[in-house]
Structures are given as C-alpha cells and as structure tokens.
Amino acid sequence: MHNFKELHVWKKGIDIAQNIYELTSRFPSEEKFGIVSQMRRSSVSVPSNVAEGAGRKTDKDFSNFLSISLGSQFELETQLIISNRVGFISDEQLAKESLELIELQKMTRSLVDKFSRV
C-alpha cells in the first residue's frame, strides 16, 4: 500500500480538478448537465483512481488504477479541446490546462511502467 497523499500524481490531480471546477464555473448554465458535468467527473476521477489504487494490496493493482487515471486524463484533455472549439475556453486556457495534463500524463505513465514491472 502507498500513501496517496504523498504522491505527486495525486497532488497534481487534485490541482487539476480544482482548476477544472473553477474553469467550468464560467461555462454557460445550459451546459451544467453536459460538458461541465463530464469534465468535472473526469477531473475528479484522475486523483480518485490514484487514491483507490494506492490502497490496493499489490503494485500490479496499483498500476491498473493508475492506467484508469491516465484514461481519465486523456478524456479530460479531449473535453478541453471540445470546449475550446465551441468557444467555452480560450486558446490560452486550453494551452495552460493541456500543459498541466501532459505533465501529469508523463508522471502517471512513469509510475504505470514502474509498478507494472513488479
């Protein structure tokens, strides 16, 4: 078992989720049950799966949950691109959030590789 609160991927995931909540609070109200809900769920899933995996007994199990978190990161990146294309976020906002996600994706991939070899 790992202490998820000490993991950089969990901390960064929490920061990204907070950023997404703040960003989507400015979306049109008619999107509350649309892309806002999807983005918030994806962003919350990122650190949640890290935490859930950290509580598992084996490193292989942890690696599987990290992979799920990685999938949520790519899902969120796609939703950011869509939000930009339909005019909900600027190119600058997309670039900022994408950079954060890409950094997290690299960190998560490294952990997946580390724990899947065990």
Protein backbone atom coordinates (compact mmCIF):
# COMPACT_ATOMS: atom_id res chain seq x y z
CA MET A 1 0.00 0.00 0.00
CA HIS A 2 1.11 3.54 -0.77
CA ASN A 3 0.26 6.80 0.98
CA PHE A 4 -1.62 8.50 -1.85
CA LYS A 5 -1.45 11.93 -0.20
CA GLU A 6 2.33 11.92 -0.64
CA LEU A 7 2.22 11.04 -4.36
CA HIS A 8 2.95 13.90 -6.75
CA VAL A 9 0.47 12.48 -9.28
CA TRP A 10 -2.30 12.63 -6.70
CA LYS A 11 -1.41 16.20 -5.66
CA LYS A 12 -1.24 17.36 -9.28
CA GLY A 13 -4.53 15.58 -9.99
CA ILE A 14 -6.18 17.47 -7.13
CA ASP A 15 -4.84 20.76 -8.51
CA ILE A 16 -6.16 19.96 -11.98
CA ALA A 17 -9.59 19.03 -10.61
CA GLN A 18 -9.74 22.33 -8.75
CA ASN A 19 -8.73 24.20 -11.92
CA ILE A 20 -11.45 22.42 -13.90
CA TYR A 21 -14.12 23.30 -11.33
CA GLU A 22 -13.05 26.95 -11.49
CA LEU A 23 -12.85 26.93 -15.29
CA THR A 24 -16.24 25.27 -15.83
CA SER A 25 -17.97 27.60 -13.37
CA ARG A 26 -17.80 30.17 -16.19
CA PHE A 27 -19.40 27.89 -18.81
CA PRO A 28 -22.96 28.58 -19.99
CA SER A 29 -25.56 27.40 -17.46
CA GLU A 30 -27.23 25.20 -20.09
CA GLU A 31 -24.02 23.10 -20.09
CA LYS A 32 -24.40 22.20 -16.40
CA PHE A 33 -25.56 18.68 -17.27
CA GLY A 34 -23.48 18.47 -20.44
CA ILE A 35 -19.80 19.08 -20.82
CA VAL A 36 -19.45 20.72 -17.39
CA SER A 37 -20.60 17.52 -15.71
CA GLN A 38 -18.38 15.38 -17.93
CA MET A 39 -15.28 17.50 -17.32
CA ARG A 40 -15.81 17.62 -13.59
CA ARG A 41 -16.31 13.85 -13.37
CA SER A 42 -13.22 13.20 -15.49
CA SER A 43 -11.10 15.57 -13.42
CA VAL A 44 -12.27 14.06 -10.13
CA SER A 45 -11.62 10.58 -11.48
CA VAL A 46 -7.93 11.37 -12.03
CA PRO A 47 -6.82 11.66 -8.36
CA SER A 48 -9.60 9.36 -7.15
CA ASN A 49 -8.23 6.42 -9.10
CA VAL A 50 -4.71 7.17 -7.88
CA ALA A 51 -6.01 7.09 -4.30
CA GLU A 52 -8.03 3.92 -4.85
CA GLY A 53 -5.11 2.15 -6.47
CA ALA A 54 -2.74 3.21 -3.70
CA GLY A 55 -4.97 1.39 -1.24
CA ARG A 56 -4.76 -1.91 -3.10
CA LYS A 57 -2.57 -4.76 -1.93
CA THR A 58 -0.34 -5.24 -4.94
CA ASP A 59 1.70 -2.96 -7.15
CA LYS A 60 0.04 -4.57 -10.18
CA ASP A 61 -3.36 -3.48 -8.87
CA PHE A 62 -1.97 -0.01 -8.27
CA SER A 63 -0.68 0.09 -11.84
CA ASN A 64 -4.14 -0.83 -13.16
CA PHE A 65 -5.76 2.07 -11.29
CA LEU A 66 -3.03 4.42 -12.48
CA SER A 67 -3.91 3.33 -16.02
CA ILE A 68 -7.56 4.17 -15.37
CA SER A 69 -6.46 7.58 -14.08
CA LEU A 70 -4.42 8.04 -17.26
CA GLY A 71 -7.51 7.27 -19.34
CA SER A 72 -9.44 9.94 -17.45
CA GLN A 73 -6.63 12.39 -18.15
CA PHE A 74 -6.92 11.78 -21.89
CA GLU A 75 -10.70 12.03 -21.64
CA LEU A 76 -10.36 15.40 -19.90
CA GLU A 77 -7.86 16.63 -22.49
CA THR A 78 -10.37 15.77 -25.22
CA GLN A 79 -13.13 17.63 -23.39
CA LEU A 80 -10.87 20.69 -23.09
CA ILE A 81 -10.26 20.62 -26.84
CA ILE A 82 -14.00 20.41 -27.50
CA SER A 83 -14.62 23.26 -25.05
CA ASN A 84 -12.12 25.36 -26.94
CA ARG A 85 -13.60 24.53 -30.34
CA VAL A 86 -17.11 25.53 -29.28
CA GLY A 87 -15.83 28.75 -27.71
CA PHE A 88 -16.17 27.99 -23.99
CA ILE A 89 -12.45 28.42 -23.30
CA SER A 90 -9.75 30.47 -24.99
CA ASP A 91 -6.69 29.15 -26.78
CA GLU A 92 -4.63 30.35 -23.83
CA GLN A 93 -6.79 28.46 -21.32
CA LEU A 94 -6.58 25.33 -23.46
CA ALA A 95 -2.80 25.63 -23.70
CA LYS A 96 -2.40 26.15 -19.94
CA GLU A 97 -4.60 23.23 -18.93
CA SER A 98 -3.17 20.98 -21.64
CA LEU A 99 0.37 21.60 -20.42
CA GLU A 100 -0.64 20.63 -16.90
CA LEU A 101 -2.32 17.48 -18.17
CA ILE A 102 0.59 16.48 -20.39
CA GLU A 103 2.96 16.80 -17.43
CA LEU A 104 0.64 14.65 -15.32
CA GLN A 105 0.30 12.09 -18.11
CA LYS A 106 4.09 11.71 -18.26
CA MET A 107 4.31 11.31 -14.49
CA THR A 108 1.49 8.77 -14.47
CA ARG A 109 2.97 6.76 -17.35
CA SER A 110 6.27 6.54 -15.48
CA LEU A 111 4.51 5.16 -12.42
CA VAL A 112 2.50 2.71 -14.51
CA ASP A 113 5.72 1.43 -16.05
CA LYS A 114 7.41 1.20 -12.65
CA PHE A 115 4.62 -0.72 -10.95
CA SER A 116 3.60 -2.92 -13.86
CA ARG A 117 7.12 -4.45 -13.98
CA VAL A 118 6.87 -5.68 -10.41
